[in-house]
Every structure is written in structure tokens, then in C-alpha cells.
Amino acid sequence: MTDSLAVDDLDARPLHPPSKLTPIGPLLIGAFIGLVVCTNVANAVFANWVTQRPEQLLMLSSRNRYVALTAIDGMRWWTWAGIATVRLGVAATVCHMLGRIYGDQALRWFWKFMGMSQDGVRQFERQFNIAELFLVPLFVGSNIVFVLSGAARSSWRKLVPLFLMGVAGRLALIWWLAHAFEDQLRDIIDLLTRFQWPIIIVSIALVVLVNLNNFRKGR
């Protein structure tokens, strides 16, 4: 009963009404679904691609673990950083535009269908306007932060420098940590290579189960 009331309260609270300019809305939804599919593919094949196709793995997903694992594969640092920045930038742009066009409705989609915690979304929503200067650089890879930035109609002039600062800081830290702990990472890569097919099979199963669970929660 409490959960139902909380959902109704969120639905009835139009802090960020949808925009009237929605012709590209379905295209953005399709683009976001494509990004989710790419991430799920990366989750399924990373054990093989981390050594065989590191650039393509990074294009599919720029999650921290893939950024770290591909940092020591011999790729030039500017290639590595460029691919990660573009991938993060595409996701940030799509999520920002979804929030700008659909407002609170986009936020509801995230906690219903992407496994986001309702309490977490509401907490982010309450604090975003106050802490935007800190949230965007610190959580530069977070989809929900950029949906909120769009719903709040944040200025591109403010967001782009914050995004670039966050990406630069994150990549510099991951690059340093990856090379500081290179031996340990190489041990992990050797383990992934040795047991890649069992890992791939388990990864695919987990991807399917997690997405089915998220959609079940959404219903």
C-alpha cells in the first residue's frame, strides 16, 4: 500500500512537465534502447572482446570496468580516451534530450523499467538543482543524472564544461589506477581468456534474467 501511494505521489507531482516539442521523442527512445542493447551485448561478450576487440568493446559500453580493462591493452591513450569520451557523450546527450522532452515521465521510465530505485530517483530529483555543479562531474556516466539535467532544462553552456571536466577526471583516474595495478588487471584478463566461454554463457544468462526482472518490476 505504501509503495502504491508513493508511486501515485510521484505521478501527481509535475515538477518537470513534458515539452510540447516531441517529434524526435520516439527516435530518442529508439536510440536509448539501442544503447541499452549495446551495453547488454558488452556484458555478454566482454570476456572474449577484452583481448580480441578492445576498441569495439569500449564502443559498446564505457562502464568503468571495461574502461579499466581496455586501458592496458596497448591502445594509444588518446584513442582509448577518445572512444570512451564519445560513448559517454552519446549516452549523456540521448538521456538529456529524453529528460528535456518527456520531463518527469522519463524519470518514471527509468525507475520502472531500468531497475532504478524509486527512492534514489526522488532523492536525485530533490537535490539536483542544488548540487548540479557536483553531480554532473562526479556521476558523468550516470544516465539518470543526465535525464534529470534535461528535465530541469539545464543549459548546454553549463553542462558541456561540467561533462568534459567529469570525463577528464574519471579517465585520468582510471588510467592511473589501471597502470598502477596492471599486474592484477592482467591476471583478471588471463582468467577471463582462460574461461571465456563459461563466462560468456553465464553473462548472457544474467543479462536475460536481470532484464526480465526489471521489466517484471516495471509492470
Protein backbone atom coordinates (compact mmCIF):
# COMPACT_ATOMS: atom_id res chain seq x y z
CA MET A 1 0.00 0.00 0.00
CA THR A 2 2.84 2.37 0.86
CA ASP A 3 4.56 1.71 -2.47
CA SER A 4 1.33 2.41 -4.33
CA LEU A 5 0.87 5.73 -2.59
CA ALA A 6 4.49 6.68 -3.27
CA VAL A 7 4.05 5.92 -6.97
CA ASP A 8 0.84 7.95 -7.12
CA ASP A 9 2.58 10.82 -5.36
CA LEU A 10 5.40 10.81 -7.92
CA ASP A 11 2.92 10.59 -10.81
CA ALA A 12 0.91 13.51 -9.45
CA ARG A 13 3.87 15.79 -8.88
CA PRO A 14 4.68 17.51 -12.21
CA LEU A 15 7.96 19.12 -11.22
CA HIS A 16 9.20 18.76 -14.79
CA PRO A 17 6.31 18.80 -17.28
CA PRO A 18 6.94 17.31 -20.74
CA SER A 19 7.90 19.59 -23.59
CA LYS A 20 5.49 20.26 -26.44
CA LEU A 21 8.33 19.75 -28.94
CA THR A 22 8.24 15.94 -29.17
CA PRO A 23 8.68 14.98 -32.87
CA ILE A 24 12.08 13.42 -32.15
CA GLY A 25 10.92 11.75 -28.95
CA PRO A 26 10.38 8.28 -30.49
CA LEU A 27 13.78 8.50 -32.22
CA LEU A 28 15.44 9.28 -28.90
CA ILE A 29 13.66 6.36 -27.24
CA GLY A 30 14.90 4.13 -30.05
CA ALA A 31 18.43 5.50 -29.62
CA PHE A 32 18.33 4.83 -25.88
CA ILE A 33 17.09 1.28 -26.43
CA GLY A 34 19.96 0.82 -28.89
CA LEU A 35 22.45 1.98 -26.24
CA VAL A 36 20.96 -0.43 -23.71
CA VAL A 37 21.25 -3.27 -26.22
CA CYS A 38 24.90 -2.35 -26.86
CA THR A 39 25.62 -2.41 -23.12
CA ASN A 40 23.93 -5.79 -22.75
CA VAL A 41 25.94 -7.16 -25.67
CA ALA A 42 29.12 -5.87 -24.00
CA ASN A 43 28.10 -7.57 -20.75
CA ALA A 44 27.68 -10.82 -22.65
CA VAL A 45 30.85 -10.84 -24.79
CA PHE A 46 33.38 -8.87 -22.74
CA ALA A 47 35.34 -11.98 -21.71
CA ASN A 48 36.32 -12.52 -25.35
CA TRP A 49 36.39 -8.95 -26.65
CA VAL A 50 38.56 -7.50 -23.89
CA THR A 51 41.58 -9.05 -25.63
CA GLN A 52 40.33 -9.58 -29.19
CA ARG A 53 38.33 -6.39 -29.81
CA PRO A 54 39.02 -3.86 -27.04
CA GLU A 55 38.09 -0.83 -29.18
CA GLN A 56 34.74 -2.36 -30.13
CA LEU A 57 34.09 -3.36 -26.51
CA LEU A 58 34.66 0.24 -25.43
CA MET A 59 32.34 1.46 -28.19
CA LEU A 60 29.62 -0.85 -26.94
CA SER A 61 29.95 0.22 -23.32
CA SER A 62 32.09 2.67 -21.37
CA ARG A 63 31.37 1.28 -17.95
CA ASN A 64 34.27 1.67 -15.56
CA ARG A 65 35.27 -1.99 -15.65
CA TYR A 66 35.58 -2.01 -19.43
CA VAL A 67 37.39 1.33 -19.45
CA ALA A 68 39.89 -0.06 -16.93
CA LEU A 69 40.38 -3.41 -18.65
CA THR A 70 40.98 -1.80 -22.06
CA ALA A 71 43.39 0.81 -20.67
CA ILE A 72 46.29 -1.68 -20.56
CA ASP A 73 45.82 -3.49 -23.88
CA GLY A 74 48.34 -1.38 -25.84
CA MET A 75 45.79 1.05 -27.28
CA ARG A 76 47.15 4.58 -27.58
CA TRP A 77 45.82 6.65 -24.72
CA TRP A 78 44.20 9.23 -26.99
CA THR A 79 42.35 6.51 -28.90
CA TRP A 80 41.20 4.94 -25.65
CA ALA A 81 40.16 8.29 -24.18
CA GLY A 82 38.50 9.42 -27.42
CA ILE A 83 36.33 6.31 -27.74
CA ALA A 84 35.31 6.43 -24.08
CA THR A 85 34.50 10.14 -24.27
CA VAL A 86 32.37 9.77 -27.40
CA ARG A 87 30.48 6.79 -25.96
CA LEU A 88 29.79 8.61 -22.70
CA GLY A 89 28.86 11.75 -24.62
CA VAL A 90 26.34 9.96 -26.84
CA ALA A 91 24.64 8.39 -23.81
CA ALA A 92 24.61 11.71 -21.94
CA THR A 93 23.11 13.57 -24.92
CA VAL A 94 20.37 10.99 -25.52
CA CYS A 95 19.44 10.88 -21.83
CA HIS A 96 19.47 14.68 -21.51
CA MET A 97 17.18 15.07 -24.51
CA LEU A 98 14.81 12.38 -23.18
CA GLY A 99 14.55 14.30 -19.92
CA ARG A 100 14.11 17.63 -21.73
CA ILE A 101 11.30 16.31 -23.91
CA TYR A 102 9.47 13.93 -21.57
CA GLY A 103 10.17 15.52 -18.17
CA ASP A 104 9.01 13.51 -15.15
CA GLN A 105 7.66 10.79 -17.42
CA ALA A 106 11.24 9.93 -18.43
CA LEU A 107 12.20 9.66 -14.75
CA ARG A 108 9.35 7.23 -14.15
CA TRP A 109 10.54 5.11 -17.08
CA PHE A 110 13.96 4.83 -15.52
CA TRP A 111 12.91 3.59 -12.13
CA LYS A 112 10.20 1.33 -13.55
CA PHE A 113 12.00 -0.29 -16.48
CA MET A 114 15.71 0.16 -15.85
CA GLY A 115 15.77 -1.15 -12.29
CA MET A 116 16.30 2.28 -10.73
CA SER A 117 15.31 2.68 -7.10
CA GLN A 118 12.26 4.92 -6.70
CA ASP A 119 13.71 6.48 -3.55
CA GLY A 120 17.01 7.07 -5.35
CA VAL A 121 15.30 8.85 -8.25
CA ARG A 122 13.28 11.07 -5.93
CA GLN A 123 16.35 11.93 -3.86
CA PHE A 124 18.31 12.85 -7.01
CA GLU A 125 15.35 14.91 -8.20
CA ARG A 126 15.11 16.90 -4.98
CA GLN A 127 18.84 17.58 -4.80
CA PHE A 128 19.69 18.09 -8.46
CA ASN A 129 19.08 21.83 -8.74
CA ILE A 130 21.19 22.45 -5.64
CA ALA A 131 24.01 20.02 -6.38
CA GLU A 132 24.13 20.08 -10.21
CA LEU A 133 27.66 21.51 -10.27
CA PHE A 134 28.87 18.48 -8.30
CA LEU A 135 26.55 15.72 -9.52
CA VAL A 136 27.30 16.07 -13.24
CA PRO A 137 31.12 15.77 -12.98
CA LEU A 138 31.02 13.11 -10.25
CA PHE A 139 28.37 10.96 -11.94
CA VAL A 140 29.30 11.67 -15.54
CA GLY A 141 28.47 8.10 -16.55
CA SER A 142 25.05 8.07 -14.87
CA ASN A 143 22.07 8.06 -17.22
CA ILE A 144 19.65 9.26 -14.55
CA VAL A 145 21.74 12.37 -13.82
CA PHE A 146 21.52 13.46 -17.45
CA VAL A 147 17.80 12.66 -17.63
CA LEU A 148 17.41 14.96 -14.63
CA SER A 149 19.53 17.63 -16.30
CA GLY A 150 17.19 17.53 -19.27
CA ALA A 151 14.03 17.52 -17.17
CA ALA A 152 15.38 20.54 -15.27
CA ARG A 153 16.17 22.26 -18.62
CA SER A 154 19.82 22.74 -17.66
CA SER A 155 21.81 24.95 -20.02
CA TRP A 156 24.15 23.30 -22.53
CA ARG A 157 26.68 26.04 -21.74
CA LYS A 158 26.79 24.77 -18.18
CA LEU A 159 26.51 21.05 -18.91
CA VAL A 160 29.20 20.65 -21.58
CA PRO A 161 32.09 22.02 -19.43
CA LEU A 162 30.86 20.02 -16.44
CA PHE A 163 30.67 16.88 -18.57
CA LEU A 164 34.17 17.38 -20.01
CA MET A 165 35.60 18.05 -16.54
CA GLY A 166 33.98 14.89 -15.21
CA VAL A 167 35.15 12.74 -18.14
CA ALA A 168 38.71 14.08 -17.94
CA GLY A 169 38.89 13.43 -14.21
CA ARG A 170 37.36 9.96 -14.46
CA LEU A 171 39.54 8.80 -17.35
CA ALA A 172 42.71 10.21 -15.79
CA LEU A 173 41.95 8.37 -12.52
CA ILE A 174 41.10 5.09 -14.27
CA TRP A 175 44.21 5.30 -16.48
CA TRP A 176 46.42 5.86 -13.44
CA LEU A 177 44.78 3.10 -11.39
CA ALA A 178 44.83 0.65 -14.32
CA HIS A 179 48.56 1.09 -14.77
CA ALA A 180 49.26 1.15 -11.03
CA PHE A 181 47.52 -2.22 -10.72
CA GLU A 182 48.41 -3.52 -14.18
CA ASP A 183 49.63 -6.91 -12.94
CA GLN A 184 46.37 -7.57 -11.12
CA LEU A 185 44.31 -6.49 -14.13
CA ARG A 186 46.34 -8.72 -16.42
CA ASP A 187 45.66 -11.63 -14.07
CA ILE A 188 41.95 -10.88 -14.40
CA ILE A 189 42.26 -10.71 -18.20
CA ASP A 190 44.15 -14.02 -18.26
CA LEU A 191 41.37 -15.57 -16.17
CA LEU A 192 38.71 -14.16 -18.50
CA THR A 193 40.59 -15.52 -21.51
CA ARG A 194 41.03 -18.96 -19.98
CA PHE A 195 37.36 -19.34 -19.01
CA GLN A 196 35.81 -17.05 -21.62
CA TRP A 197 33.12 -19.42 -22.89
CA PRO A 198 31.69 -20.37 -19.47
CA ILE A 199 31.84 -16.68 -18.54
CA ILE A 200 30.08 -15.67 -21.77
CA ILE A 201 27.32 -18.25 -21.19
CA VAL A 202 26.81 -17.12 -17.58
CA SER A 203 26.94 -13.45 -18.64
CA ILE A 204 24.23 -13.96 -21.27
CA ALA A 205 22.04 -15.76 -18.75
CA LEU A 206 22.50 -12.97 -16.20
CA VAL A 207 21.72 -10.28 -18.79
CA VAL A 208 18.48 -12.04 -19.72
CA LEU A 209 17.45 -12.62 -16.09
CA VAL A 210 18.23 -9.05 -14.99
CA ASN A 211 16.28 -7.52 -17.88
CA LEU A 212 13.32 -9.84 -17.35
CA ASN A 213 13.32 -8.91 -13.67
CA ASN A 214 13.44 -5.17 -14.49
CA PHE A 215 10.54 -5.43 -16.91
CA ARG A 216 8.59 -7.50 -14.39
CA LYS A 217 9.09 -4.74 -11.81
CA GLY A 218 8.01 -2.21 -14.40
CA ARG A 219 4.71 -3.97 -14.90
